[in-house]
Amino acid sequence: MSDAIRHSASEAAFLDGNIILPNGQARALLTRGSRIAAIGSVAEIRQAMAANARVIDLKNRTVIAGLIDGHAHMDREGMKSILPPLADATSVEQVVDKIAALAATRQPGEWIVTNPLGLPPTFDNLPGTLAEKRYPNRWDLDRAAPDNPVYIRSIWGYWRPSLPLVSVANSAALKLAGITRDSKAPVESVQIGVDPSTSEPDGIFYEWNKMPVVEHTLMRSAPNFTRDQRIAGLRESMRIYNSFGTTGVFEGHGASTDVIATYKHLRASNALTVRAGLMFSPAWRSSNLADCVDVLKSWGQWLAGRGLGDEWLRVQGMFCEADDSPEQKLRAAAFPQTGWAGFHCSALPETILQPLLVEAARAGIRVTGIWPSNLRLFAEVDKIAPIAGQRWVLGHIMSLDADDIRLIKDLGLVITTHTSAFLYKQGLQQKATLGQARESEIVPLRALIDAGVPVSLGSDNVPPTLFASIGHCISRRERSGAIVAADQAISRREALHCATAGGAYLTFEEDERGTLEVGKLADFAVLSENLLTCPEDRIGHILADMTVVGGAVVYERAIAQPHAS
């Protein structure tokens, strides 16, 4: 048995399970307070536990260290359930009926803002899934709510692979927004739908953008998410992530001020059930370098190193993005609102960003980026102000060659993945672009791990379960069924390591969590199936029967029968 830590008042024994350790397995585990007190055989744990300890029969189920999602966008998941749903509407008339029912509960003039059209999680195949094979328009919604402004929000574009995004407003909403037949689209990627017979706006907005623009421009008068909605949404998000065995998240894309405030509210009331590391999402109000450096210096001290916070919530470092597009400027102008994003869309031109990151490196502020160009940018920064040891993060890796991997290793970067997009959904597309000879460069996890590069798996909230990402890494199977870069597959234990210990390293907490060891935080999940032995096509469907964070059971699924190993 592993060396036990001393007895304390709160104690629980988890007996007769397949407990996966960094090297090997055990049959039982003991927690005292928020920490793991002992690991060993059932007999050893029974001898070590107090007489009044709570006993949990694992019934031969598998226990793993809690999953740590390296790129989660966790707050976004619960927001899908905050607004009135239209998911089960299969016709325009059913949409009208649902809006009418909402209007019956509202005062005249009160806004009605709903979830997008379509069925979660992808909201796909519209308007084909509606009986009329068209979108509802302003006049349809007028029938439903003649005395209320109505706005049907668009989706977050990364929830599905196809464009355009579509949102719909009725006549009252268009009037409040000041939209007439003379209104112009704010950018070329946005289209204001019109009635061909009258040239009047029909209330339908089309966007050829993954991140919405209309809600921040033409329809900015429609209510956005409130503080109470974000709090309720985050509570639901944590429940969902806990149900998949996730006990920690790292928000590498950065968190906006309102999202950080939401986390702080729940931390202050001891309501967090997922540990969160939040990179700061700056809201740059100027693209002048001197102004940006002054802003960085004004809050840089508290972002440096591990930032501020505790074992439940920590804000550190910052997200960076080079983007000078008109769409991004319009989103940034909507400050402080961020909509579905949950981060500030205030990127900078690369000519400003590069010297700004030099200042960040000198101040010890770690930086995350998610675009291929970030690797070159980070290397340029390193020539002036070394970043090795700061654990800067390169996320959303698509393809990397041998030179890229050597550079990543030399810079001391941590990699986070988005296998749902760049392997499962776009693997064959990448193969066609790169060619057969370069197939092994597609999400090259085997090469990264063999080179000693730390890797953390991320879900990007599409879907919210990290077991889908684990399955992608093992099978290398694209959604078509084709295998992409089979030589880059990693083992089940390696994938689990990336989803647990890899996330802990990402947050500088490898000595505190990420593996099941005596003295570490008691964060773990009891699984519905054995990750190490179940059929490969079942990995993405694994659920948590129980999730424990800091020694407390934060999620428990009703179980009808014991699970086989």
Protein backbone atom coordinates (compact mmCIF):
# COMPACT_ATOMS: atom_id res chain seq x y z
CA MET A 1 0.00 0.00 0.00
CA SER A 2 1.13 3.55 -0.73
CA ASP A 3 2.21 5.58 2.29
CA ALA A 4 -0.95 6.89 3.94
CA ILE A 5 -1.41 10.43 5.19
CA ARG A 6 -2.74 10.98 8.70
CA HIS A 7 -6.37 10.58 9.69
CA SER A 8 -8.84 13.46 9.52
CA ALA A 9 -12.52 13.88 10.23
CA SER A 10 -13.83 13.49 6.66
CA GLU A 11 -12.98 10.14 5.17
CA ALA A 12 -14.27 7.90 2.37
CA ALA A 13 -13.13 4.46 1.18
CA PHE A 14 -13.67 3.45 -2.46
CA LEU A 15 -13.42 -0.35 -2.56
CA ASP A 16 -13.25 -3.13 -5.11
CA GLY A 17 -12.56 -1.20 -8.32
CA ASN A 18 -10.05 -0.99 -11.17
CA ILE A 19 -8.13 2.08 -10.10
CA ILE A 20 -5.78 3.23 -12.83
CA LEU A 21 -2.48 4.53 -11.48
CA PRO A 22 0.44 6.13 -13.36
CA ASN A 23 2.09 2.70 -13.37
CA GLY A 24 -0.29 -0.17 -12.82
CA GLN A 25 -3.60 -0.52 -11.01
CA ALA A 26 -5.00 -0.89 -7.51
CA ARG A 27 -8.26 -2.16 -6.04
CA ALA A 28 -9.09 0.48 -3.45
CA LEU A 29 -8.55 4.12 -2.58
CA LEU A 30 -9.02 6.18 0.59
CA THR A 31 -9.68 9.91 0.77
CA ARG A 32 -9.31 12.15 3.81
CA GLY A 33 -10.58 15.66 3.47
CA SER A 34 -9.71 16.92 -0.02
CA ARG A 35 -6.74 14.58 -0.58
CA ILE A 36 -5.95 11.00 -1.42
CA ALA A 37 -4.85 9.32 1.81
CA ALA A 38 -4.03 5.80 0.66
CA ILE A 39 -4.11 3.51 -2.36
CA GLY A 40 -3.81 -0.27 -2.22
CA SER A 41 -5.72 -3.52 -1.83
CA VAL A 42 -9.19 -3.67 -0.31
CA ALA A 43 -7.74 -5.24 2.84
CA GLU A 44 -5.09 -2.54 3.17
CA ILE A 45 -7.62 0.28 2.79
CA ARG A 46 -10.00 -1.33 5.29
CA GLN A 47 -7.14 -1.46 7.77
CA ALA A 48 -6.18 2.17 7.12
CA MET A 49 -9.66 3.73 7.22
CA ALA A 50 -11.45 5.07 10.25
CA ALA A 51 -14.41 3.24 11.75
CA ASN A 52 -16.79 6.01 10.69
CA ALA A 53 -15.50 6.31 7.13
CA ARG A 54 -18.03 6.32 4.32
CA VAL A 55 -17.67 3.17 2.20
CA ILE A 56 -18.39 3.20 -1.55
CA ASP A 57 -18.57 -0.15 -3.33
CA LEU A 58 -17.10 0.42 -6.79
CA LYS A 59 -18.55 -2.90 -8.06
CA ASN A 60 -15.48 -3.53 -10.19
CA ARG A 61 -15.84 -0.26 -12.07
CA THR A 62 -12.86 1.68 -13.38
CA VAL A 63 -11.54 4.77 -11.61
CA ILE A 64 -9.33 7.35 -13.34
CA ALA A 65 -7.87 10.67 -12.29
CA GLY A 66 -10.30 13.46 -13.09
CA LEU A 67 -10.11 14.66 -16.67
CA ILE A 68 -8.67 18.15 -17.22
CA ASP A 69 -9.94 19.75 -20.42
CA GLY A 70 -7.14 21.82 -21.95
CA HIS A 71 -9.39 23.95 -24.16
CA ALA A 72 -12.92 23.70 -22.83
CA HIS A 73 -15.12 26.78 -23.40
CA MET A 74 -17.08 25.20 -20.55
CA ASP A 75 -19.21 28.28 -19.80
CA ARG A 76 -20.75 28.06 -23.27
CA GLU A 77 -22.33 24.63 -22.80
CA GLY A 78 -24.84 25.65 -20.13
CA MET A 79 -25.79 28.80 -22.00
CA LYS A 80 -27.53 26.62 -24.60
CA SER A 81 -30.24 25.84 -22.04
CA ILE A 82 -30.73 29.38 -20.72
CA LEU A 83 -32.80 30.85 -23.55
CA PRO A 84 -36.21 29.45 -24.62
CA PRO A 85 -35.59 26.49 -26.96
CA LEU A 86 -36.86 26.00 -30.49
CA ALA A 87 -35.07 22.68 -31.00
CA ASP A 88 -38.15 20.49 -31.41
CA ALA A 89 -39.90 22.80 -33.89
CA THR A 90 -40.20 20.95 -37.20
CA SER A 91 -42.08 23.65 -39.11
CA VAL A 92 -42.38 27.41 -39.33
CA GLU A 93 -45.85 27.11 -37.83
CA GLN A 94 -44.47 25.31 -34.79
CA VAL A 95 -41.92 28.10 -34.38
CA VAL A 96 -44.81 30.59 -34.53
CA ASP A 97 -46.73 28.62 -31.90
CA LYS A 98 -43.73 28.54 -29.57
CA ILE A 99 -43.11 32.28 -29.91
CA ALA A 100 -46.82 32.96 -29.35
CA ALA A 101 -46.73 30.93 -26.13
CA LEU A 102 -43.77 33.00 -24.94
CA ALA A 103 -45.52 36.25 -25.87
CA ALA A 104 -48.50 35.25 -23.74
CA THR A 105 -46.21 35.40 -20.68
CA ARG A 106 -44.60 38.76 -21.51
CA GLN A 107 -45.64 42.37 -21.16
CA PRO A 108 -46.17 44.37 -24.36
CA GLY A 109 -42.83 45.74 -25.52
CA GLU A 110 -40.80 43.16 -23.60
CA TRP A 111 -38.10 41.45 -25.65
CA ILE A 112 -38.33 37.76 -26.53
CA VAL A 113 -34.91 36.30 -27.34
CA THR A 114 -34.69 32.58 -28.07
CA ASN A 115 -32.15 29.89 -28.74
CA PRO A 116 -31.22 29.23 -32.37
CA LEU A 117 -33.33 27.22 -34.77
CA GLY A 118 -32.35 23.58 -35.15
CA LEU A 119 -31.46 20.58 -33.07
CA PRO A 120 -28.43 20.68 -30.75
CA PRO A 121 -25.57 20.05 -30.70
CA THR A 122 -24.95 20.91 -34.38
CA PHE A 123 -28.16 22.80 -35.28
CA ASP A 124 -27.60 21.41 -38.77
CA ASN A 125 -29.56 20.85 -42.01
CA LEU A 126 -31.65 24.00 -41.87
CA PRO A 127 -34.02 25.04 -43.32
CA GLY A 128 -34.44 21.52 -44.71
CA THR A 129 -35.59 20.15 -41.36
CA LEU A 130 -38.55 22.57 -41.35
CA ALA A 131 -41.65 21.37 -43.21
CA GLU A 132 -41.86 24.52 -45.33
CA LYS A 133 -38.16 24.23 -46.32
CA ARG A 134 -37.64 27.89 -45.47
CA TYR A 135 -36.73 30.02 -42.47
CA PRO A 136 -39.41 31.89 -40.54
CA ASN A 137 -39.40 35.59 -41.42
CA ARG A 138 -40.41 38.83 -39.74
CA TRP A 139 -44.05 38.44 -40.73
CA ASP A 140 -44.27 34.92 -39.31
CA LEU A 141 -42.92 36.19 -36.01
CA ASP A 142 -45.27 39.21 -36.16
CA ARG A 143 -48.21 36.79 -36.15
CA ALA A 144 -46.82 35.19 -33.04
CA ALA A 145 -45.90 38.34 -31.12
CA PRO A 146 -47.26 41.54 -32.66
CA ASP A 147 -46.63 43.53 -29.47
CA ASN A 148 -43.16 42.22 -28.60
CA PRO A 149 -39.77 42.53 -30.27
CA VAL A 150 -38.55 39.01 -31.11
CA TYR A 151 -35.05 37.85 -31.96
CA ILE A 152 -34.03 34.26 -32.73
CA ARG A 153 -30.30 34.12 -32.12
CA SER A 154 -27.81 32.50 -34.46
CA ILE A 155 -25.65 29.61 -33.38
CA TRP A 156 -21.97 29.79 -32.51
CA GLY A 157 -20.53 28.89 -35.90
CA TYR A 158 -18.11 26.22 -34.66
CA TRP A 159 -21.01 24.03 -33.54
CA ARG A 160 -21.45 22.88 -37.14
CA PRO A 161 -19.19 22.72 -40.19
CA SER A 162 -21.42 24.65 -42.60
CA LEU A 163 -22.31 28.30 -43.10
CA PRO A 164 -24.18 30.63 -43.13
CA LEU A 165 -25.28 31.45 -39.60
CA VAL A 166 -28.91 32.60 -39.54
CA SER A 167 -30.81 34.78 -37.09
CA VAL A 168 -34.32 36.20 -37.39
CA ALA A 169 -36.05 39.34 -36.08
CA ASN A 170 -39.67 40.46 -36.26
CA SER A 171 -40.92 43.91 -37.24
CA ALA A 172 -40.88 45.33 -33.71
CA ALA A 173 -37.26 44.20 -33.25
CA LEU A 174 -36.24 45.63 -36.63
CA LYS A 175 -37.82 48.95 -35.69
CA LEU A 176 -35.94 49.12 -32.39
CA ALA A 177 -32.74 48.22 -34.22
CA GLY A 178 -33.35 50.95 -36.79
CA ILE A 179 -33.23 48.52 -39.71
CA THR A 180 -35.08 49.64 -42.86
CA ARG A 181 -34.91 48.97 -46.59
CA ASP A 182 -32.08 51.49 -46.71
CA SER A 183 -29.93 49.70 -44.11
CA LYS A 184 -26.59 48.35 -45.26
CA ALA A 185 -24.78 45.27 -44.08
CA PRO A 186 -21.88 46.18 -41.76
CA VAL A 187 -19.44 43.92 -43.67
CA GLU A 188 -19.50 41.93 -46.90
CA SER A 189 -19.78 38.65 -44.99
CA VAL A 190 -23.23 39.67 -43.67
CA GLN A 191 -26.41 39.75 -45.74
CA ILE A 192 -29.69 41.41 -44.78
CA GLY A 193 -32.47 39.30 -46.28
CA VAL A 194 -35.13 41.15 -48.30
CA ASP A 195 -38.53 40.38 -49.76
CA PRO A 196 -37.93 40.25 -53.52
CA SER A 197 -41.29 41.82 -54.33
CA THR A 198 -40.99 44.84 -52.03
CA SER A 199 -37.25 45.12 -51.23
CA GLU A 200 -38.24 45.40 -47.57
CA PRO A 201 -36.04 43.51 -45.07
CA ASP A 202 -37.61 40.14 -44.33
CA GLY A 203 -36.01 39.90 -40.88
CA ILE A 204 -33.58 37.11 -41.80
CA PHE A 205 -29.86 37.76 -41.39
CA TYR A 206 -27.22 35.57 -43.01
CA GLU A 207 -23.58 35.49 -41.89
CA TRP A 208 -20.63 33.82 -43.55
CA ASN A 209 -18.63 33.95 -40.32
CA LYS A 210 -17.94 31.31 -37.69
CA MET A 211 -18.23 33.95 -34.97
CA PRO A 212 -21.43 36.06 -35.14
CA VAL A 213 -21.31 39.70 -36.16
CA VAL A 214 -25.01 40.57 -36.51
CA GLU A 215 -25.79 40.33 -32.79
CA HIS A 216 -22.99 42.83 -32.10
CA THR A 217 -23.96 45.28 -34.85
CA LEU A 218 -27.34 45.32 -36.60
CA MET A 219 -29.13 43.61 -33.69
CA ARG A 220 -27.09 45.04 -30.85
CA SER A 221 -30.30 46.46 -29.33
CA ALA A 222 -31.49 42.93 -28.53
CA PRO A 223 -30.71 41.88 -24.95
CA ASN A 224 -27.53 39.87 -24.52
CA PHE A 225 -26.73 37.39 -21.80
CA THR A 226 -27.18 38.81 -18.32
CA ARG A 227 -25.07 38.16 -15.23
CA ASP A 228 -27.75 35.91 -13.73
CA GLN A 229 -28.02 33.96 -16.97
CA ARG A 230 -24.26 33.42 -17.08
CA ILE A 231 -24.27 32.23 -13.46
CA ALA A 232 -27.11 29.77 -14.14
CA GLY A 233 -25.40 28.70 -17.36
CA LEU A 234 -22.09 27.99 -15.65
CA ARG A 235 -23.81 25.90 -12.98
CA GLU A 236 -25.37 23.78 -15.71
CA SER A 237 -22.09 23.64 -17.62
CA MET A 238 -20.27 22.23 -14.61
CA ARG A 239 -22.93 19.58 -14.12
CA ILE A 240 -22.56 18.49 -17.74
CA TYR A 241 -18.76 18.44 -17.66
CA ASN A 242 -18.81 16.55 -14.35
CA SER A 243 -21.10 13.96 -15.97
CA PHE A 244 -18.25 13.14 -18.36
CA GLY A 245 -15.65 12.85 -15.60
CA THR A 246 -14.15 16.31 -16.09
CA THR A 247 -12.88 17.84 -12.86
CA GLY A 248 -10.81 20.71 -14.27
CA VAL A 249 -10.69 23.03 -17.27
CA PHE A 250 -8.15 25.38 -18.79
CA GLU A 251 -9.60 28.20 -20.87
CA GLY A 252 -6.76 28.82 -23.28
CA HIS A 253 -8.82 31.06 -25.56
CA GLY A 254 -9.14 33.43 -22.65
CA ALA A 255 -12.10 34.47 -20.53
CA SER A 256 -13.86 37.82 -20.75
CA THR A 257 -14.43 40.01 -17.74
CA ASP A 258 -18.07 38.91 -17.40
CA VAL A 259 -17.13 35.23 -17.52
CA ILE A 260 -14.36 35.75 -14.95
CA ALA A 261 -16.89 37.55 -12.73
CA THR A 262 -19.25 34.58 -13.08
CA TYR A 263 -16.56 32.16 -11.92
CA LYS A 264 -15.66 34.48 -9.03
CA HIS A 265 -19.30 34.60 -7.92
CA LEU A 266 -19.55 30.81 -7.78
CA ARG A 267 -16.15 30.49 -6.09
CA ALA A 268 -17.20 32.98 -3.41
CA SER A 269 -20.24 30.84 -2.64
CA ASN A 270 -18.22 27.58 -2.72
CA ALA A 271 -20.33 26.41 -5.65
CA LEU A 272 -17.60 25.42 -8.12
CA THR A 273 -17.48 21.70 -8.94
CA VAL A 274 -14.87 22.05 -11.70
CA ARG A 275 -11.46 23.59 -11.06
CA ALA A 276 -10.79 26.37 -13.55
CA GLY A 277 -7.65 27.97 -14.92
CA LEU A 278 -8.63 31.04 -16.93
CA MET A 279 -6.33 32.86 -19.30
CA PHE A 280 -7.24 36.53 -19.46
CA SER A 281 -8.89 37.78 -22.65
CA PRO A 282 -7.77 41.41 -23.06
CA ALA A 283 -10.18 43.96 -24.48
CA TRP A 284 -7.73 46.15 -26.34
CA ARG A 285 -9.33 49.54 -26.88
CA SER A 286 -6.54 50.81 -29.11
CA SER A 287 -4.16 49.35 -31.69
CA ASN A 288 -1.47 51.85 -30.78
CA LEU A 289 1.55 49.97 -29.45
CA ALA A 290 2.36 52.45 -26.68
CA ASP A 291 -1.25 52.34 -25.45
CA CYS A 292 -1.27 48.53 -25.48
CA VAL A 293 2.04 48.32 -23.60
CA ASP A 294 0.72 50.74 -20.97
CA VAL A 295 -2.39 48.61 -20.52
CA LEU A 296 -0.27 45.45 -20.28
CA LYS A 297 1.95 47.01 -17.63
CA SER A 298 -1.07 48.21 -15.66
CA TRP A 299 -2.37 44.69 -15.02
CA GLY A 300 0.65 42.62 -15.97
CA GLN A 301 1.83 42.07 -12.42
CA TRP A 302 -1.17 40.00 -11.43
CA LEU A 303 -1.14 38.01 -14.68
CA ALA A 304 2.53 37.04 -14.38
CA GLY A 305 3.60 33.53 -13.39
CA ARG A 306 0.69 31.57 -11.99
CA GLY A 307 -1.43 34.70 -11.68
CA LEU A 308 -4.01 35.09 -8.93
CA GLY A 309 -6.30 32.54 -7.35
CA ASP A 310 -6.37 29.24 -5.51
CA GLU A 311 -6.78 25.54 -6.20
CA TRP A 312 -10.35 26.11 -7.47
CA LEU A 313 -10.04 29.24 -9.59
CA ARG A 314 -6.98 30.92 -11.03
CA VAL A 315 -6.59 33.71 -13.60
CA GLN A 316 -3.20 33.91 -15.28
CA GLY A 317 -1.54 34.95 -18.52
CA MET A 318 -3.33 36.13 -21.61
CA PHE A 319 -4.65 35.01 -24.96
CA CYS A 320 -3.23 36.55 -28.12
CA GLU A 321 -4.52 36.78 -31.66
CA ALA A 322 -3.35 38.61 -34.76
CA ASP A 323 -6.42 39.69 -36.72
CA ASP A 324 -7.07 43.03 -38.36
CA SER A 325 -10.26 42.02 -40.17
CA PRO A 326 -13.30 44.34 -40.23
CA GLU A 327 -15.41 41.59 -38.65
CA GLN A 328 -13.10 41.36 -35.66
CA LYS A 329 -13.10 45.11 -35.22
CA LEU A 330 -16.90 45.13 -35.15
CA ARG A 331 -17.01 42.38 -32.53
CA ALA A 332 -14.48 44.24 -30.43
CA ALA A 333 -16.60 47.41 -30.60
CA ALA A 334 -19.41 45.53 -28.83
CA PHE A 335 -17.42 45.56 -25.56
CA PRO A 336 -18.28 44.52 -22.89
CA GLN A 337 -20.72 42.08 -24.50
CA THR A 338 -19.25 38.86 -25.88
CA GLY A 339 -22.34 36.77 -26.70
CA TRP A 340 -21.71 33.06 -27.14
CA ALA A 341 -17.94 33.64 -27.30
CA GLY A 342 -17.20 34.26 -23.63
CA PHE A 343 -13.98 36.01 -24.67
CA HIS A 344 -13.23 39.49 -25.96
CA CYS A 345 -12.84 39.62 -29.73
CA SER A 346 -10.19 42.32 -29.69
CA ALA A 347 -7.28 41.04 -31.74
CA LEU A 348 -4.38 43.21 -32.85
CA PRO A 349 -2.40 43.58 -36.08
CA GLU A 350 0.69 41.37 -35.97
CA THR A 351 2.94 44.43 -36.23
CA ILE A 352 1.56 45.52 -32.84
CA LEU A 353 1.15 42.07 -31.32
CA GLN A 354 4.75 40.91 -31.75
CA PRO A 355 6.43 43.71 -29.73
CA LEU A 356 3.61 43.50 -27.19
CA LEU A 357 4.35 39.81 -26.64
CA VAL A 358 8.00 40.69 -26.11
CA GLU A 359 6.88 42.87 -23.19
CA ALA A 360 4.73 40.00 -21.92
CA ALA A 361 7.69 37.61 -22.05
CA ARG A 362 9.90 40.05 -20.15
CA ALA A 363 7.22 40.37 -17.48
CA GLY A 364 6.83 36.60 -17.13
CA ILE A 365 3.28 36.61 -18.52
CA ARG A 366 2.53 33.34 -20.28
CA VAL A 367 0.64 33.56 -23.56
CA THR A 368 -1.68 31.23 -25.45
CA GLY A 369 -2.45 31.22 -29.17
CA ILE A 370 -4.49 28.91 -31.38
CA TRP A 371 -3.39 29.65 -34.95
CA PRO A 372 -0.50 28.06 -36.90
CA SER A 373 1.10 31.50 -37.34
CA ASN A 374 1.53 31.71 -33.56
CA LEU A 375 4.47 29.30 -33.67
CA ARG A 376 6.48 31.62 -35.89
CA LEU A 377 5.39 34.60 -33.80
CA PHE A 378 6.44 32.92 -30.55
CA ALA A 379 9.82 32.06 -32.06
CA GLU A 380 10.36 35.71 -33.03
CA VAL A 381 9.51 36.80 -29.51
CA ASP A 382 11.89 34.22 -28.04
CA LYS A 383 14.82 35.69 -29.98
CA ILE A 384 14.35 38.94 -28.06
CA ALA A 385 12.94 37.76 -24.72
CA PRO A 386 13.30 34.00 -24.01
CA ILE A 387 10.06 32.23 -23.19
CA ALA A 388 11.37 28.76 -22.30
CA GLY A 389 10.14 27.77 -18.85
CA GLN A 390 7.04 29.98 -19.03
CA ARG A 391 4.93 27.23 -20.65
CA TRP A 392 3.43 29.30 -23.42
CA VAL A 393 0.64 27.39 -25.13
CA LEU A 394 0.07 26.53 -28.78
CA GLY A 395 -3.47 25.25 -29.23
CA HIS A 396 -5.67 23.81 -31.96
CA ILE A 397 -2.77 22.10 -33.71
CA MET A 398 -3.68 21.13 -37.28
CA SER A 399 -0.45 19.88 -38.87
CA LEU A 400 3.18 20.05 -37.80
CA ASP A 401 6.33 18.90 -39.55
CA ALA A 402 9.55 17.71 -37.92
CA ASP A 403 11.05 21.22 -37.86
CA ASP A 404 7.90 22.59 -36.19
CA ILE A 405 8.08 19.92 -33.49
CA ARG A 406 11.76 20.63 -32.79
CA LEU A 407 10.95 24.34 -32.48
CA ILE A 408 8.04 23.63 -30.14
CA LYS A 409 10.34 21.55 -27.95
CA ASP A 410 13.06 24.23 -27.95
CA LEU A 411 10.58 26.97 -26.99
CA GLY A 412 9.18 24.90 -24.11
CA LEU A 413 5.64 25.17 -25.45
CA VAL A 414 2.69 23.13 -24.22
CA ILE A 415 0.37 21.75 -26.90
CA THR A 416 -3.41 21.61 -26.62
CA THR A 417 -5.46 19.73 -29.17
CA HIS A 418 -8.74 20.13 -31.05
CA THR A 419 -9.06 16.65 -32.52
CA SER A 420 -12.80 16.98 -33.06
CA ALA A 421 -12.15 19.58 -35.76
CA PHE A 422 -8.74 18.81 -37.23
CA LEU A 423 -8.77 15.01 -37.07
CA TYR A 424 -12.35 13.74 -36.79
CA LYS A 425 -14.10 16.31 -38.99
CA GLN A 426 -11.33 17.60 -41.25
CA GLY A 427 -8.80 14.78 -41.34
CA LEU A 428 -9.39 13.84 -44.97
CA GLN A 429 -9.55 17.49 -45.97
CA GLN A 430 -6.13 18.03 -44.42
CA LYS A 431 -4.81 14.91 -46.13
CA ALA A 432 -6.00 16.20 -49.50
CA THR A 433 -4.32 19.55 -48.86
CA LEU A 434 -1.00 18.17 -47.61
CA GLY A 435 -0.76 15.12 -49.86
CA GLN A 436 -0.11 11.48 -49.08
CA ALA A 437 3.59 12.04 -48.40
CA ARG A 438 2.82 14.47 -45.56
CA GLU A 439 -0.13 12.63 -43.99
CA SER A 440 1.88 11.93 -40.83
CA GLU A 441 1.99 15.68 -40.13
CA ILE A 442 -1.78 15.75 -39.40
CA VAL A 443 -2.27 16.21 -35.63
CA PRO A 444 1.02 14.33 -35.04
CA LEU A 445 0.54 13.21 -31.46
CA ARG A 446 2.91 10.24 -31.69
CA ALA A 447 5.72 12.47 -32.93
CA LEU A 448 5.04 15.14 -30.30
CA ILE A 449 5.02 12.70 -27.41
CA ASP A 450 8.13 10.91 -28.68
CA ALA A 451 9.87 14.30 -28.86
CA GLY A 452 9.02 14.97 -25.21
CA VAL A 453 6.53 17.75 -25.90
CA PRO A 454 3.81 18.04 -23.21
CA VAL A 455 0.33 17.54 -24.70
CA SER A 456 -3.05 18.33 -23.16
CA LEU A 457 -6.29 17.23 -24.80
CA GLY A 458 -9.04 19.79 -25.37
CA SER A 459 -12.69 19.34 -26.31
CA ASP A 460 -13.38 22.90 -27.50
CA ASN A 461 -16.92 22.15 -26.26
CA VAL A 462 -17.69 20.26 -29.51
CA PRO A 463 -18.68 17.93 -27.85
CA PRO A 464 -18.12 18.65 -24.15
CA THR A 465 -16.90 15.13 -23.36
CA LEU A 466 -13.14 14.64 -23.40
CA PHE A 467 -13.68 10.94 -24.05
CA ALA A 468 -14.45 11.82 -27.67
CA SER A 469 -11.01 13.43 -27.93
CA ILE A 470 -9.39 10.42 -26.24
CA GLY A 471 -11.05 8.17 -28.80
CA HIS A 472 -9.80 10.29 -31.71
CA CYS A 473 -6.21 10.04 -30.48
CA ILE A 474 -6.37 6.27 -30.20
CA SER A 475 -8.32 5.33 -33.33
CA ARG A 476 -7.33 8.20 -35.67
CA ARG A 477 -10.72 7.60 -37.29
CA GLU A 478 -12.27 10.40 -39.31
CA ARG A 479 -16.05 10.84 -39.38
CA SER A 480 -16.11 9.15 -42.82
CA GLY A 481 -14.66 6.05 -41.19
CA ALA A 482 -11.26 6.50 -42.84
CA ILE A 483 -8.11 6.23 -40.73
CA VAL A 484 -5.92 9.34 -40.92
CA ALA A 485 -2.18 9.16 -40.19
CA ALA A 486 -2.37 5.80 -38.44
CA ASP A 487 1.30 6.06 -37.44
CA GLN A 488 0.39 9.01 -35.19
CA ALA A 489 -1.96 6.96 -32.99
CA ILE A 490 -1.17 6.80 -29.29
CA SER A 491 -2.05 4.16 -26.72
CA ARG A 492 -4.98 4.30 -24.35
CA ARG A 493 -2.74 5.00 -21.39
CA GLU A 494 -0.94 7.74 -23.30
CA ALA A 495 -4.25 9.36 -24.28
CA LEU A 496 -5.44 9.17 -20.67
CA HIS A 497 -2.17 10.76 -19.53
CA CYS A 498 -2.71 13.67 -21.95
CA ALA A 499 -6.29 14.11 -20.70
CA THR A 500 -5.28 14.13 -17.03
CA ALA A 501 -1.62 14.72 -16.20
CA GLY A 502 -1.22 16.75 -19.38
CA GLY A 503 -3.90 19.15 -18.19
CA ALA A 504 -2.30 19.42 -14.77
CA TYR A 505 1.04 20.32 -16.35
CA LEU A 506 -0.75 22.92 -18.43
CA THR A 507 -1.88 24.67 -15.24
CA PHE A 508 1.43 24.23 -13.31
CA GLU A 509 -0.30 21.77 -10.98
CA GLU A 510 1.37 18.47 -11.86
CA ASP A 511 2.36 18.06 -8.19
CA GLU A 512 -1.22 18.59 -7.03
CA ARG A 513 -3.47 16.68 -9.44
CA GLY A 514 -3.63 14.82 -12.74
CA THR A 515 -2.70 11.38 -11.37
CA LEU A 516 -3.99 9.20 -8.55
CA GLU A 517 -1.22 9.35 -5.94
CA VAL A 518 -1.15 9.69 -2.17
CA GLY A 519 -1.13 13.32 -1.08
CA LYS A 520 -2.62 14.67 -4.29
CA LEU A 521 -6.06 16.24 -4.55
CA ALA A 522 -8.84 13.65 -4.54
CA ASP A 523 -10.17 14.43 -8.03
CA PHE A 524 -11.32 11.31 -9.88
CA ALA A 525 -14.10 9.72 -11.89
CA VAL A 526 -15.79 6.33 -11.67
CA LEU A 527 -16.52 5.28 -15.25
CA SER A 528 -19.41 3.54 -16.96
CA GLU A 529 -16.92 1.38 -18.93
CA ASN A 530 -13.30 0.39 -18.58
CA LEU A 531 -11.30 2.80 -20.73
CA LEU A 532 -8.38 0.38 -21.03
CA THR A 533 -10.36 -2.66 -22.20
CA CYS A 534 -13.69 -1.59 -23.71
CA PRO A 535 -14.19 -1.82 -27.51
CA GLU A 536 -12.48 1.07 -29.25
CA ASP A 537 -15.72 2.39 -30.69
CA ARG A 538 -17.16 2.68 -27.16
CA ILE A 539 -14.50 5.05 -25.83
CA GLY A 540 -16.25 8.21 -26.99
CA HIS A 541 -19.46 7.06 -25.27
CA ILE A 542 -17.98 6.57 -21.80
CA LEU A 543 -19.77 8.44 -19.04
CA ALA A 544 -18.99 9.12 -15.40
CA ASP A 545 -21.07 7.12 -12.95
CA MET A 546 -19.56 9.24 -10.19
CA THR A 547 -17.27 12.26 -10.15
CA VAL A 548 -15.31 13.32 -7.07
CA VAL A 549 -13.57 16.68 -6.72
CA GLY A 550 -11.59 17.54 -3.61
CA GLY A 551 -12.89 14.41 -1.89
CA ALA A 552 -16.54 15.42 -2.38
CA VAL A 553 -18.95 13.64 -4.70
CA VAL A 554 -20.09 16.37 -7.09
CA TYR A 555 -21.91 14.15 -9.56
CA GLU A 556 -23.54 10.73 -9.33
CA ARG A 557 -25.49 8.90 -12.01
CA ALA A 558 -28.29 6.51 -11.14
CA ILE A 559 -27.00 2.99 -11.77
CA ALA A 560 -29.40 0.11 -12.40
CA GLN A 561 -26.85 -2.73 -12.56
CA PRO A 562 -23.16 -3.13 -11.72
CA HIS A 563 -20.85 -2.64 -14.69
CA ALA A 564 -18.59 -5.40 -15.89
CA SER A 565 -14.89 -4.72 -16.20
